[in-house]
């Protein structure tokens, strides 16, 4: 594979960002719960991408401190399985200082909210759970058998007669080690059988896939037709009911009596504002336009009279 062609076409300002993205994606397959084979492939991919990137200086592989124990355990498993090529590549990355040890797996920024994007993991690449096999190992069974034998010897030393020891309280079962081993073996066989059944189902899935799709499409079509039919019936009934309510509301008010017509603004003003005497007459009379442009005759008479009085007073003075 020509890994150096992966970085073709990227601009200078995007080289480092792209290198960081693909290294993080490849590193996610290097961690458990993926199987040993997938993790080895991820290690090869990390080595190739780190060596062929065009960014200068080279972008390092971010390794959180919590993952370092898993990496050392992976190295130990590779040594035990005599996969020396895997050990060589891992130590080459360490010698080239390709790993950048961090506290968090992703970059953090102050006072900034980000949506956590959950990476979609391939279930087919994951290693099946083997917790019972890891917990109940051969060493544990040997130790349990040894403790069980010591317990039996101590009972015999305390109770010399076999009848008293048989009738005493039994703190553990006699066949505890055998039952525990049988249970773990049964679980492992059931797990293998389940995986084989799933593989067979995947093989025959192609033939029945079209039938399942057609059944699903028919079911969805029937559900939609029923839903739209009920919606149209309810809308029609609501429309008729709404018209009836409007007609009845026009005839009868909310209290059951005929609704009175609302008074206009002029009628309400006449009802509320009360004017009596001369002010009422002046308010009711209409204003004539000639009064705005010329003075009435009595008014001019009064003005002339006042002027004569003022002049006579000046003469007396």
C-alpha atoms as a PDB file:
ATOM      1  CA  UNK A   1       0.000   0.000   0.000  1.00  0.00           C
ATOM      2  CA  UNK A   2       1.247   3.481  -0.873  1.00  0.00           C
ATOM      3  CA  UNK A   3       0.556   5.258   2.387  1.00  0.00           C
ATOM      4  CA  UNK A   4       2.265   8.450   1.272  1.00  0.00           C
ATOM      5  CA  UNK A   5      -0.556   9.062  -1.243  1.00  0.00           C
ATOM      6  CA  UNK A   6      -3.034   9.516   1.625  1.00  0.00           C
ATOM      7  CA  UNK A   7      -1.686  13.003   2.243  1.00  0.00           C
ATOM      8  CA  UNK A   8      -1.929  14.113  -1.401  1.00  0.00           C
ATOM      9  CA  UNK A   9      -4.299  16.974  -2.166  1.00  0.00           C
ATOM     10  CA  UNK A  10      -4.245  18.627   1.255  1.00  0.00           C
ATOM     11  CA  UNK A  11      -3.170  22.236   1.588  1.00  0.00           C
ATOM     12  CA  UNK A  12      -0.421  23.329   3.936  1.00  0.00           C
ATOM     13  CA  UNK A  13      -2.737  24.654   6.606  1.00  0.00           C
ATOM     14  CA  UNK A  14      -4.771  21.421   6.587  1.00  0.00           C
ATOM     15  CA  UNK A  15      -1.893  18.952   6.692  1.00  0.00           C
ATOM     16  CA  UNK A  16      -1.485  18.966  10.452  1.00  0.00           C
ATOM     17  CA  UNK A  17      -5.212  18.816  11.122  1.00  0.00           C
ATOM     18  CA  UNK A  18      -5.670  15.909   8.711  1.00  0.00           C
ATOM     19  CA  UNK A  19      -2.688  14.022  10.160  1.00  0.00           C
ATOM     20  CA  UNK A  20      -4.048  14.418  13.681  1.00  0.00           C
ATOM     21  CA  UNK A  21      -7.478  13.184  12.587  1.00  0.00           C
ATOM     22  CA  UNK A  22      -6.301   9.997  10.889  1.00  0.00           C
ATOM     23  CA  UNK A  23      -3.856   9.188  13.705  1.00  0.00           C
ATOM     24  CA  UNK A  24      -6.635   9.491  16.284  1.00  0.00           C
ATOM     25  CA  UNK A  25      -8.907   7.261  14.205  1.00  0.00           C
ATOM     26  CA  UNK A  26      -6.226   4.610  13.804  1.00  0.00           C
ATOM     27  CA  UNK A  27      -5.311   4.789  17.492  1.00  0.00           C
ATOM     28  CA  UNK A  28      -8.908   4.037  18.516  1.00  0.00           C
ATOM     29  CA  UNK A  29      -8.521   0.525  17.009  1.00  0.00           C
ATOM     30  CA  UNK A  30      -5.279  -0.018  18.940  1.00  0.00           C
ATOM     31  CA  UNK A  31      -7.123  -0.197  22.272  1.00  0.00           C
ATOM     32  CA  UNK A  32      -9.323  -2.905  23.799  1.00  0.00           C
ATOM     33  CA  UNK A  33     -12.017  -4.290  23.495  1.00  0.00           C
ATOM     34  CA  UNK A  34     -10.811  -5.045  19.958  1.00  0.00           C
ATOM     35  CA  UNK A  35      -9.206  -8.398  19.309  1.00  0.00           C
ATOM     36  CA  UNK A  36      -5.459  -8.954  19.191  1.00  0.00           C
ATOM     37  CA  UNK A  37      -5.418  -9.228  15.402  1.00  0.00           C
ATOM     38  CA  UNK A  38      -7.223  -5.898  14.938  1.00  0.00           C
ATOM     39  CA  UNK A  39      -4.901  -4.199  17.410  1.00  0.00           C
ATOM     40  CA  UNK A  40      -1.856  -5.477  15.527  1.00  0.00           C
ATOM     41  CA  UNK A  41      -3.281  -4.085  12.288  1.00  0.00           C
ATOM     42  CA  UNK A  42      -3.900  -0.737  13.989  1.00  0.00           C
ATOM     43  CA  UNK A  43      -0.274  -0.683  15.184  1.00  0.00           C
ATOM     44  CA  UNK A  44       0.993  -1.261  11.633  1.00  0.00           C
ATOM     45  CA  UNK A  45      -1.318   1.500  10.398  1.00  0.00           C
ATOM     46  CA  UNK A  46      -0.055   3.936  13.042  1.00  0.00           C
ATOM     47  CA  UNK A  47       3.555   3.188  12.128  1.00  0.00           C
ATOM     48  CA  UNK A  48       2.908   3.756   8.415  1.00  0.00           C
ATOM     49  CA  UNK A  49       0.899   6.943   8.855  1.00  0.00           C
ATOM     50  CA  UNK A  50       3.391   8.447  11.278  1.00  0.00           C
ATOM     51  CA  UNK A  51       6.329   7.777   8.970  1.00  0.00           C
ATOM     52  CA  UNK A  52       4.651   9.003   5.770  1.00  0.00           C
ATOM     53  CA  UNK A  53       3.020  12.214   6.955  1.00  0.00           C
ATOM     54  CA  UNK A  54       4.157  15.396   5.242  1.00  0.00           C
ATOM     55  CA  UNK A  55       3.619  17.795   8.137  1.00  0.00           C
ATOM     56  CA  UNK A  56       6.790  19.311   9.557  1.00  0.00           C
ATOM     57  CA  UNK A  57       7.387  18.762  12.415  1.00  0.00           C
ATOM     58  CA  UNK A  58       5.583  15.429  12.450  1.00  0.00           C
ATOM     59  CA  UNK A  59       2.299  15.155  14.307  1.00  0.00           C
ATOM     60  CA  UNK A  60       2.601  12.799  17.290  1.00  0.00           C
ATOM     61  CA  UNK A  61       0.192  10.099  18.428  1.00  0.00           C
ATOM     62  CA  UNK A  62      -1.787  11.217  21.469  1.00  0.00           C
ATOM     63  CA  UNK A  63      -1.671   8.555  24.193  1.00  0.00           C
ATOM     64  CA  UNK A  64      -3.616   9.207  27.423  1.00  0.00           C
ATOM     65  CA  UNK A  65      -1.929   7.979  30.574  1.00  0.00           C
ATOM     66  CA  UNK A  66      -4.825   5.661  31.357  1.00  0.00           C
ATOM     67  CA  UNK A  67      -4.110   3.681  28.155  1.00  0.00           C
ATOM     68  CA  UNK A  68      -0.434   3.059  28.857  1.00  0.00           C
ATOM     69  CA  UNK A  69      -1.140  -0.046  30.945  1.00  0.00           C
ATOM     70  CA  UNK A  70      -3.130  -1.559  28.071  1.00  0.00           C
ATOM     71  CA  UNK A  71      -0.234  -0.870  25.697  1.00  0.00           C
ATOM     72  CA  UNK A  72       2.292  -2.552  28.003  1.00  0.00           C
ATOM     73  CA  UNK A  73      -0.058  -5.518  28.427  1.00  0.00           C
ATOM     74  CA  UNK A  74      -0.368  -5.725  24.643  1.00  0.00           C
ATOM     75  CA  UNK A  75       3.421  -5.773  24.343  1.00  0.00           C
ATOM     76  CA  UNK A  76       3.633  -8.586  26.888  1.00  0.00           C
ATOM     77  CA  UNK A  77       1.037 -10.640  25.001  1.00  0.00           C
ATOM     78  CA  UNK A  78       2.995 -10.128  21.776  1.00  0.00           C
ATOM     79  CA  UNK A  79       6.207 -11.316  23.454  1.00  0.00           C
ATOM     80  CA  UNK A  80       4.470 -14.393  24.869  1.00  0.00           C
ATOM     81  CA  UNK A  81       3.017 -15.215  21.442  1.00  0.00           C
ATOM     82  CA  UNK A  82       6.452 -14.738  19.793  1.00  0.00           C
ATOM     83  CA  UNK A  83       5.218 -11.897  17.533  1.00  0.00           C
ATOM     84  CA  UNK A  84       8.596 -10.198  17.440  1.00  0.00           C
ATOM     85  CA  UNK A  85       7.648  -7.967  14.503  1.00  0.00           C
ATOM     86  CA  UNK A  86       4.904  -6.360  16.611  1.00  0.00           C
ATOM     87  CA  UNK A  87       7.344  -5.791  19.471  1.00  0.00           C
ATOM     88  CA  UNK A  88       9.882  -4.275  17.060  1.00  0.00           C
ATOM     89  CA  UNK A  89       7.375  -1.798  15.570  1.00  0.00           C
ATOM     90  CA  UNK A  90       6.104  -0.752  18.994  1.00  0.00           C
ATOM     91  CA  UNK A  91       9.618  -0.132  20.282  1.00  0.00           C
ATOM     92  CA  UNK A  92      10.526   1.744  17.104  1.00  0.00           C
ATOM     93  CA  UNK A  93       7.642   4.146  17.706  1.00  0.00           C
ATOM     94  CA  UNK A  94       8.837   4.632  21.273  1.00  0.00           C
ATOM     95  CA  UNK A  95      12.398   5.278  20.100  1.00  0.00           C
ATOM     96  CA  UNK A  96      11.217   7.834  17.520  1.00  0.00           C
ATOM     97  CA  UNK A  97       9.180   9.578  20.244  1.00  0.00           C
ATOM     98  CA  UNK A  98       6.015   9.124  18.244  1.00  0.00           C
ATOM     99  CA  UNK A  99       3.836   8.925  21.351  1.00  0.00           C
ATOM    100  CA  UNK A 100       2.703  12.145  22.996  1.00  0.00           C
ATOM    101  CA  UNK A 101       1.532  11.370  26.542  1.00  0.00           C
ATOM    102  CA  UNK A 102      -1.423  13.473  27.619  1.00  0.00           C
ATOM    103  CA  UNK A 103      -3.867  13.609  30.500  1.00  0.00           C
ATOM    104  CA  UNK A 104      -6.975  13.595  28.271  1.00  0.00           C
ATOM    105  CA  UNK A 105      -7.558  11.801  24.959  1.00  0.00           C
ATOM    106  CA  UNK A 106      -8.810  14.972  23.216  1.00  0.00           C
ATOM    107  CA  UNK A 107      -7.760  18.612  23.265  1.00  0.00           C
ATOM    108  CA  UNK A 108      -9.580  20.766  25.800  1.00  0.00           C
ATOM    109  CA  UNK A 109     -10.220  24.502  25.609  1.00  0.00           C
ATOM    110  CA  UNK A 110     -11.226  26.868  28.401  1.00  0.00           C
ATOM    111  CA  UNK A 111     -14.856  27.985  28.701  1.00  0.00           C
ATOM    112  CA  UNK A 112     -16.032  26.362  25.497  1.00  0.00           C
ATOM    113  CA  UNK A 113     -18.896  23.908  25.174  1.00  0.00           C
ATOM    114  CA  UNK A 114     -18.572  21.110  22.711  1.00  0.00           C
ATOM    115  CA  UNK A 115     -20.865  18.282  21.726  1.00  0.00           C
ATOM    116  CA  UNK A 116     -19.327  14.928  22.510  1.00  0.00           C
ATOM    117  CA  UNK A 117     -19.191  12.864  19.343  1.00  0.00           C
ATOM    118  CA  UNK A 118     -19.456   9.169  20.071  1.00  0.00           C
ATOM    119  CA  UNK A 119     -17.377   7.119  17.676  1.00  0.00           C
ATOM    120  CA  UNK A 120     -19.162   4.208  16.038  1.00  0.00           C
ATOM    121  CA  UNK A 121     -17.317   1.012  16.948  1.00  0.00           C
ATOM    122  CA  UNK A 122     -17.294  -2.041  14.701  1.00  0.00           C
ATOM    123  CA  UNK A 123     -18.810  -4.863  16.704  1.00  0.00           C
ATOM    124  CA  UNK A 124     -17.320  -7.481  14.382  1.00  0.00           C
ATOM    125  CA  UNK A 125     -13.766  -6.394  15.275  1.00  0.00           C
ATOM    126  CA  UNK A 126     -14.315  -6.639  19.022  1.00  0.00           C
ATOM    127  CA  UNK A 127     -13.048  -9.589  20.989  1.00  0.00           C
ATOM    128  CA  UNK A 128     -15.803 -11.630  22.715  1.00  0.00           C
ATOM    129  CA  UNK A 129     -16.064 -11.208  26.457  1.00  0.00           C
ATOM    130  CA  UNK A 130     -13.956 -13.738  28.357  1.00  0.00           C
ATOM    131  CA  UNK A 131     -14.287 -12.523  31.926  1.00  0.00           C
ATOM    132  CA  UNK A 132     -15.204 -15.917  33.414  1.00  0.00           C
ATOM    133  CA  UNK A 133     -12.202 -17.551  31.747  1.00  0.00           C
ATOM    134  CA  UNK A 134      -9.925 -14.767  32.997  1.00  0.00           C
ATOM    135  CA  UNK A 135     -11.228 -14.898  36.567  1.00  0.00           C
ATOM    136  CA  UNK A 136     -11.422 -18.678  36.926  1.00  0.00           C
ATOM    137  CA  UNK A 137      -7.987 -19.701  35.727  1.00  0.00           C
ATOM    138  CA  UNK A 138      -6.064 -22.909  36.359  1.00  0.00           C
ATOM    139  CA  UNK A 139      -4.011 -21.228  39.078  1.00  0.00           C
ATOM    140  CA  UNK A 140      -7.176 -20.208  40.917  1.00  0.00           C
ATOM    141  CA  UNK A 141      -8.592 -23.732  40.677  1.00  0.00           C
ATOM    142  CA  UNK A 142      -5.371 -25.233  42.044  1.00  0.00           C
ATOM    143  CA  UNK A 143      -5.370 -22.787  44.941  1.00  0.00           C
ATOM    144  CA  UNK A 144      -9.023 -23.547  45.742  1.00  0.00           C
ATOM    145  CA  UNK A 145      -8.309 -27.279  45.698  1.00  0.00           C
ATOM    146  CA  UNK A 146      -5.352 -26.781  48.037  1.00  0.00           C
ATOM    147  CA  UNK A 147      -7.419 -24.687  50.491  1.00  0.00           C
ATOM    148  CA  UNK A 148     -10.209 -27.250  50.356  1.00  0.00           C
ATOM    149  CA  UNK A 149      -7.766 -30.042  51.262  1.00  0.00           C
ATOM    150  CA  UNK A 150      -6.380 -28.049  54.202  1.00  0.00           C
ATOM    151  CA  UNK A 151      -9.923 -27.464  55.451  1.00  0.00           C
ATOM    152  CA  UNK A 152     -10.657 -31.193  55.348  1.00  0.00           C
ATOM    153  CA  UNK A 153      -7.482 -32.043  57.257  1.00  0.00           C
ATOM    154  CA  UNK A 154      -8.256 -29.470  59.968  1.00  0.00           C
ATOM    155  CA  UNK A 155     -11.734 -30.946  60.388  1.00  0.00           C
ATOM    156  CA  UNK A 156     -10.322 -34.407  60.802  1.00  0.00           C
ATOM    157  CA  UNK A 157      -7.870 -33.165  63.431  1.00  0.00           C
ATOM    158  CA  UNK A 158     -10.606 -31.423  65.433  1.00  0.00           C
ATOM    159  CA  UNK A 159     -13.141 -34.283  65.196  1.00  0.00           C
ATOM    160  CA  UNK A 160     -11.414 -37.629  65.579  1.00  0.00           C
ATOM    161  CA  UNK A 161     -14.516 -39.672  64.775  1.00  0.00           C
ATOM    162  CA  UNK A 162     -15.805 -39.614  61.222  1.00  0.00           C
ATOM    163  CA  UNK A 163     -19.463 -39.513  62.345  1.00  0.00           C
ATOM    164  CA  UNK A 164     -19.034 -36.204  64.188  1.00  0.00           C
ATOM    165  CA  UNK A 165     -17.153 -34.659  61.274  1.00  0.00           C
ATOM    166  CA  UNK A 166     -19.844 -35.773  58.830  1.00  0.00           C
ATOM    167  CA  UNK A 167     -22.648 -34.382  60.981  1.00  0.00           C
ATOM    168  CA  UNK A 168     -20.900 -31.034  61.585  1.00  0.00           C
ATOM    169  CA  UNK A 169     -21.576 -27.836  59.666  1.00  0.00           C
ATOM    170  CA  UNK A 170     -20.292 -27.914  56.084  1.00  0.00           C
ATOM    171  CA  UNK A 171     -18.865 -24.498  55.210  1.00  0.00           C
ATOM    172  CA  UNK A 172     -18.012 -25.357  51.604  1.00  0.00           C
ATOM    173  CA  UNK A 173     -19.126 -27.966  49.127  1.00  0.00           C
ATOM    174  CA  UNK A 174     -17.126 -31.069  48.464  1.00  0.00           C
ATOM    175  CA  UNK A 175     -17.071 -30.719  44.680  1.00  0.00           C
ATOM    176  CA  UNK A 176     -16.689 -26.939  44.564  1.00  0.00           C
ATOM    177  CA  UNK A 177     -13.624 -26.933  42.287  1.00  0.00           C
ATOM    178  CA  UNK A 178     -15.112 -29.421  39.829  1.00  0.00           C
ATOM    179  CA  UNK A 179     -18.447 -27.582  39.659  1.00  0.00           C
ATOM    180  CA  UNK A 180     -16.743 -24.242  39.093  1.00  0.00           C
ATOM    181  CA  UNK A 181     -14.587 -25.653  36.303  1.00  0.00           C
ATOM    182  CA  UNK A 182     -17.584 -27.356  34.688  1.00  0.00           C
ATOM    183  CA  UNK A 183     -19.584 -24.107  34.754  1.00  0.00           C
ATOM    184  CA  UNK A 184     -16.814 -22.134  33.037  1.00  0.00           C
ATOM    185  CA  UNK A 185     -16.413 -24.802  30.347  1.00  0.00           C
ATOM    186  CA  UNK A 186     -20.174 -24.848  29.699  1.00  0.00           C
ATOM    187  CA  UNK A 187     -20.192 -21.078  29.331  1.00  0.00           C
ATOM    188  CA  UNK A 188     -17.304 -21.184  26.851  1.00  0.00           C
ATOM    189  CA  UNK A 189     -19.034 -23.863  24.768  1.00  0.00           C
ATOM    190  CA  UNK A 190     -22.287 -21.875  24.764  1.00  0.00           C
ATOM    191  CA  UNK A 191     -20.396 -18.771  23.635  1.00  0.00           C
ATOM    192  CA  UNK A 192     -18.744 -20.619  20.747  1.00  0.00           C
ATOM    193  CA  UNK A 193     -22.070 -22.128  19.702  1.00  0.00           C
ATOM    194  CA  UNK A 194     -23.725 -18.715  19.734  1.00  0.00           C
ATOM    195  CA  UNK A 195     -20.995 -17.249  17.503  1.00  0.00           C
ATOM    196  CA  UNK A 196     -21.391 -20.105  15.012  1.00  0.00           C
ATOM    197  CA  UNK A 197     -25.166 -19.602  14.912  1.00  0.00           C
ATOM    198  CA  UNK A 198     -24.715 -15.889  14.237  1.00  0.00           C
ATOM    199  CA  UNK A 199     -22.313 -16.647  11.376  1.00  0.00           C
ATOM    200  CA  UNK A 200     -24.826 -19.043   9.825  1.00  0.00           C
ATOM    201  CA  UNK A 201     -27.578 -16.451  10.143  1.00  0.00           C
ATOM    202  CA  UNK A 202     -25.378 -13.884   8.411  1.00  0.00           C
ATOM    203  CA  UNK A 203     -24.739 -16.349   5.576  1.00  0.00           C
ATOM    204  CA  UNK A 204     -28.437 -16.959   4.961  1.00  0.00           C
ATOM    205  CA  UNK A 205     -29.439 -13.390   5.497  1.00  0.00           C
ATOM    206  CA  UNK A 206     -29.019 -12.424   1.852  1.00  0.00           C
ATOM    207  CA  UNK A 207     -31.823 -14.706   0.669  1.00  0.00           C
ATOM    208  CA  UNK A 208     -34.374 -13.604   3.246  1.00  0.00           C
ATOM    209  CA  UNK A 209     -33.435  -9.918   3.176  1.00  0.00           C
ATOM    210  CA  UNK A 210     -35.788  -9.057   0.328  1.00  0.00           C
ATOM    211  CA  UNK A 211     -38.681 -10.854   2.025  1.00  0.00           C
ATOM    212  CA  UNK A 212     -38.112  -8.974   5.278  1.00  0.00           C
ATOM    213  CA  UNK A 213     -37.930  -5.650   3.419  1.00  0.00           C
ATOM    214  CA  UNK A 214     -41.159  -6.355   1.555  1.00  0.00           C
ATOM    215  CA  UNK A 215     -42.954  -7.332   4.762  1.00  0.00           C
ATOM    216  CA  UNK A 216     -41.707  -4.209   6.483  1.00  0.00           C
ATOM    217  CA  UNK A 217     -42.798  -2.022   3.567  1.00  0.00           C
ATOM    218  CA  UNK A 218     -46.277  -3.585   3.540  1.00  0.00           C
ATOM    219  CA  UNK A 219     -46.604  -3.075   7.278  1.00  0.00           C
ATOM    220  CA  UNK A 220     -45.582   0.586   7.040  1.00  0.00           C
ATOM    221  CA  UNK A 221     -47.986   1.165   4.153  1.00  0.00           C
ATOM    222  CA  UNK A 222     -50.902  -0.319   6.096  1.00  0.00           C
ATOM    223  CA  UNK A 223     -50.073   1.757   9.180  1.00  0.00           C
ATOM    224  CA  UNK A 224     -49.861   4.951   7.109  1.00  0.00           C
ATOM    225  CA  UNK A 225     -53.147   4.272   5.324  1.00  0.00           C
ATOM    226  CA  UNK A 226     -54.929   3.690   8.624  1.00  0.00           C
ATOM    227  CA  UNK A 227     -53.401   6.803  10.163  1.00  0.00           C
ATOM    228  CA  UNK A 228     -54.339   9.055   7.214  1.00  0.00           C
ATOM    229  CA  UNK A 229     -57.877   7.640   7.106  1.00  0.00           C
ATOM    230  CA  UNK A 230     -58.439   8.378  10.785  1.00  0.00           C
ATOM    231  CA  UNK A 231     -56.955  11.865  10.385  1.00  0.00           C
ATOM    232  CA  UNK A 232     -59.319  12.750   7.498  1.00  0.00           C
ATOM    233  CA  UNK A 233     -62.365  11.497   9.391  1.00  0.00           C
ATOM    234  CA  UNK A 234     -61.464  13.448  12.505  1.00  0.00           C
ATOM    235  CA  UNK A 235     -60.755  16.616  10.513  1.00  0.00           C
ATOM    236  CA  UNK A 236     -64.131  16.384   8.736  1.00  0.00           C
ATOM    237  CA  UNK A 237     -66.017  15.862  11.992  1.00  0.00           C
ATOM    238  CA  UNK A 238     -64.173  18.730  13.673  1.00  0.00           C
ATOM    239  CA  UNK A 239     -64.958  21.065  10.776  1.00  0.00           C
ATOM    240  CA  UNK A 240     -68.717  20.390  10.984  1.00  0.00           C
ATOM    241  CA  UNK A 241     -68.679  20.680  14.744  1.00  0.00           C
ATOM    242  CA  UNK A 242     -66.869  24.011  14.546  1.00  0.00           C
ATOM    243  CA  UNK A 243     -69.500  25.475  12.172  1.00  0.00           C
ATOM    244  CA  UNK A 244     -72.326  24.390  14.448  1.00  0.00           C
ATOM    245  CA  UNK A 245     -70.651  26.009  17.419  1.00  0.00           C
ATOM    246  CA  UNK A 246     -70.183  29.259  15.531  1.00  0.00           C
ATOM    247  CA  UNK A 247     -73.840  29.396  14.486  1.00  0.00           C
ATOM    248  CA  UNK A 248     -75.036  28.738  17.991  1.00  0.00           C
ATOM    249  CA  UNK A 249     -72.632  31.296  19.452  1.00  0.00           C
ATOM    250  CA  UNK A 250     -74.066  34.012  17.200  1.00  0.00           C
ATOM    251  CA  UNK A 251     -77.592  33.262  18.329  1.00  0.00           C
ATOM    252  CA  UNK A 252     -77.000  32.700  22.011  1.00  0.00           C
ATOM    253  CA  UNK A 253     -74.353  34.216  24.240  1.00  0.00           C
ATOM    254  CA  UNK A 254     -72.052  32.430  26.604  1.00  0.00           C
ATOM    255  CA  UNK A 255     -74.526  32.751  29.490  1.00  0.00           C
ATOM    256  CA  UNK A 256     -77.483  31.323  27.547  1.00  0.00           C
ATOM    257  CA  UNK A 257     -79.212  34.710  26.877  1.00  0.00           C
ATOM    258  CA  UNK A 258     -79.358  36.596  23.563  1.00  0.00           C
ATOM    259  CA  UNK A 259     -76.235  38.721  23.197  1.00  0.00           C
ATOM    260  CA  UNK A 260     -76.828  42.537  23.162  1.00  0.00           C
ATOM    261  CA  UNK A 261     -75.325  44.651  20.380  1.00  0.00           C
ATOM    262  CA  UNK A 262     -72.267  46.612  21.447  1.00  0.00           C
ATOM    263  CA  UNK A 263     -72.683  50.423  21.562  1.00  0.00           C
ATOM    264  CA  UNK A 264     -70.590  52.645  19.330  1.00  0.00           C
ATOM    265  CA  UNK A 265     -68.027  55.156  20.603  1.00  0.00           C
ATOM    266  CA  UNK A 266     -70.342  58.144  19.994  1.00  0.00           C
ATOM    267  CA  UNK A 267     -73.217  56.546  21.880  1.00  0.00           C
ATOM    268  CA  UNK A 268     -70.985  55.627  24.809  1.00  0.00           C
ATOM    269  CA  UNK A 269     -69.596  59.206  24.930  1.00  0.00           C
ATOM    270  CA  UNK A 270     -73.094  60.707  25.055  1.00  0.00           C
ATOM    271  CA  UNK A 271     -74.022  58.260  27.772  1.00  0.00           C
ATOM    272  CA  UNK A 272     -70.992  58.864  29.984  1.00  0.00           C
ATOM    273  CA  UNK A 273     -70.326  62.636  29.447  1.00  0.00           C
ATOM    274  CA  UNK A 274     -73.066  64.881  30.870  1.00  0.00           C
ATOM    275  CA  UNK A 275     -73.113  68.663  30.011  1.00  0.00           C
ATOM    276  CA  UNK A 276     -75.828  70.971  31.356  1.00  0.00           C
ATOM    277  CA  UNK A 277     -76.836  74.665  30.945  1.00  0.00           C
ATOM    278  CA  UNK A 278     -75.215  77.054  28.483  1.00  0.00           C
ATOM    279  CA  UNK A 279     -72.263  74.752  27.910  1.00  0.00           C
ATOM    280  CA  UNK A 280     -74.603  72.112  26.549  1.00  0.00           C
ATOM    281  CA  UNK A 281     -76.151  74.615  24.102  1.00  0.00           C
ATOM    282  CA  UNK A 282     -72.729  75.816  22.936  1.00  0.00           C
ATOM    283  CA  UNK A 283     -71.587  72.244  22.499  1.00  0.00           C
ATOM    284  CA  UNK A 284     -74.649  71.326  20.467  1.00  0.00           C
ATOM    285  CA  UNK A 285     -74.474  74.410  18.177  1.00  0.00           C
ATOM    286  CA  UNK A 286     -72.415  74.136  15.034  1.00  0.00           C
ATOM    287  CA  UNK A 287     -69.431  76.395  14.451  1.00  0.00           C
ATOM    288  CA  UNK A 288     -69.834  78.744  11.497  1.00  0.00           C
ATOM    289  CA  UNK A 289     -66.883  79.541   9.261  1.00  0.00           C
ATOM    290  CA  UNK A 290     -67.518  83.325   9.074  1.00  0.00           C
ATOM    291  CA  UNK A 291     -66.960  83.600  12.815  1.00  0.00           C
ATOM    292  CA  UNK A 292     -63.415  82.397  12.329  1.00  0.00           C
ATOM    293  CA  UNK A 293     -62.589  85.115   9.747  1.00  0.00           C
ATOM    294  CA  UNK A 294     -64.558  88.264  10.859  1.00  0.00           C
ATOM    295  CA  UNK A 295     -65.734  89.717  14.144  1.00  0.00           C
ATOM    296  CA  UNK A 296     -69.432  90.111  14.943  1.00  0.00           C
ATOM    297  CA  UNK A 297     -70.987  93.630  15.120  1.00  0.00           C
ATOM    298  CA  UNK A 298     -71.628  93.666  18.886  1.00  0.00           C
ATOM    299  CA  UNK A 299     -68.011  92.778  19.523  1.00  0.00           C
ATOM    300  CA  UNK A 300     -66.710  95.726  17.472  1.00  0.00           C
ATOM    301  CA  UNK A 301     -69.134  98.030  19.299  1.00  0.00           C
ATOM    302  CA  UNK A 302     -67.745  97.013  22.642  1.00  0.00           C
ATOM    303  CA  UNK A 303     -64.186  97.564  21.454  1.00  0.00           C
ATOM    304  CA  UNK A 304     -64.957 101.103  20.293  1.00  0.00           C
ATOM    305  CA  UNK A 305     -66.636 101.874  23.630  1.00  0.00           C
ATOM    306  CA  UNK A 306     -63.620 100.749  25.609  1.00  0.00           C
ATOM    307  CA  UNK A 307     -61.317 102.854  23.438  1.00  0.00           C
ATOM    308  CA  UNK A 308     -63.427 106.004  24.111  1.00  0.00           C
ATOM    309  CA  UNK A 309     -63.328 105.374  27.848  1.00  0.00           C
ATOM    310  CA  UNK A 310     -59.562 105.011  27.793  1.00  0.00           C
ATOM    311  CA  UNK A 311     -59.098 108.283  25.845  1.00  0.00           C
ATOM    312  CA  UNK A 312     -61.436 110.227  28.229  1.00  0.00           C
ATOM    313  CA  UNK A 313     -59.463 109.029  31.203  1.00  0.00           C
ATOM    314  CA  UNK A 314     -56.280 110.253  29.569  1.00  0.00           C
ATOM    315  CA  UNK A 315     -57.813 113.730  29.019  1.00  0.00           C
ATOM    316  CA  UNK A 316     -58.911 114.012  32.652  1.00  0.00           C
ATOM    317  CA  UNK A 317     -55.426 113.111  33.727  1.00  0.00           C
END
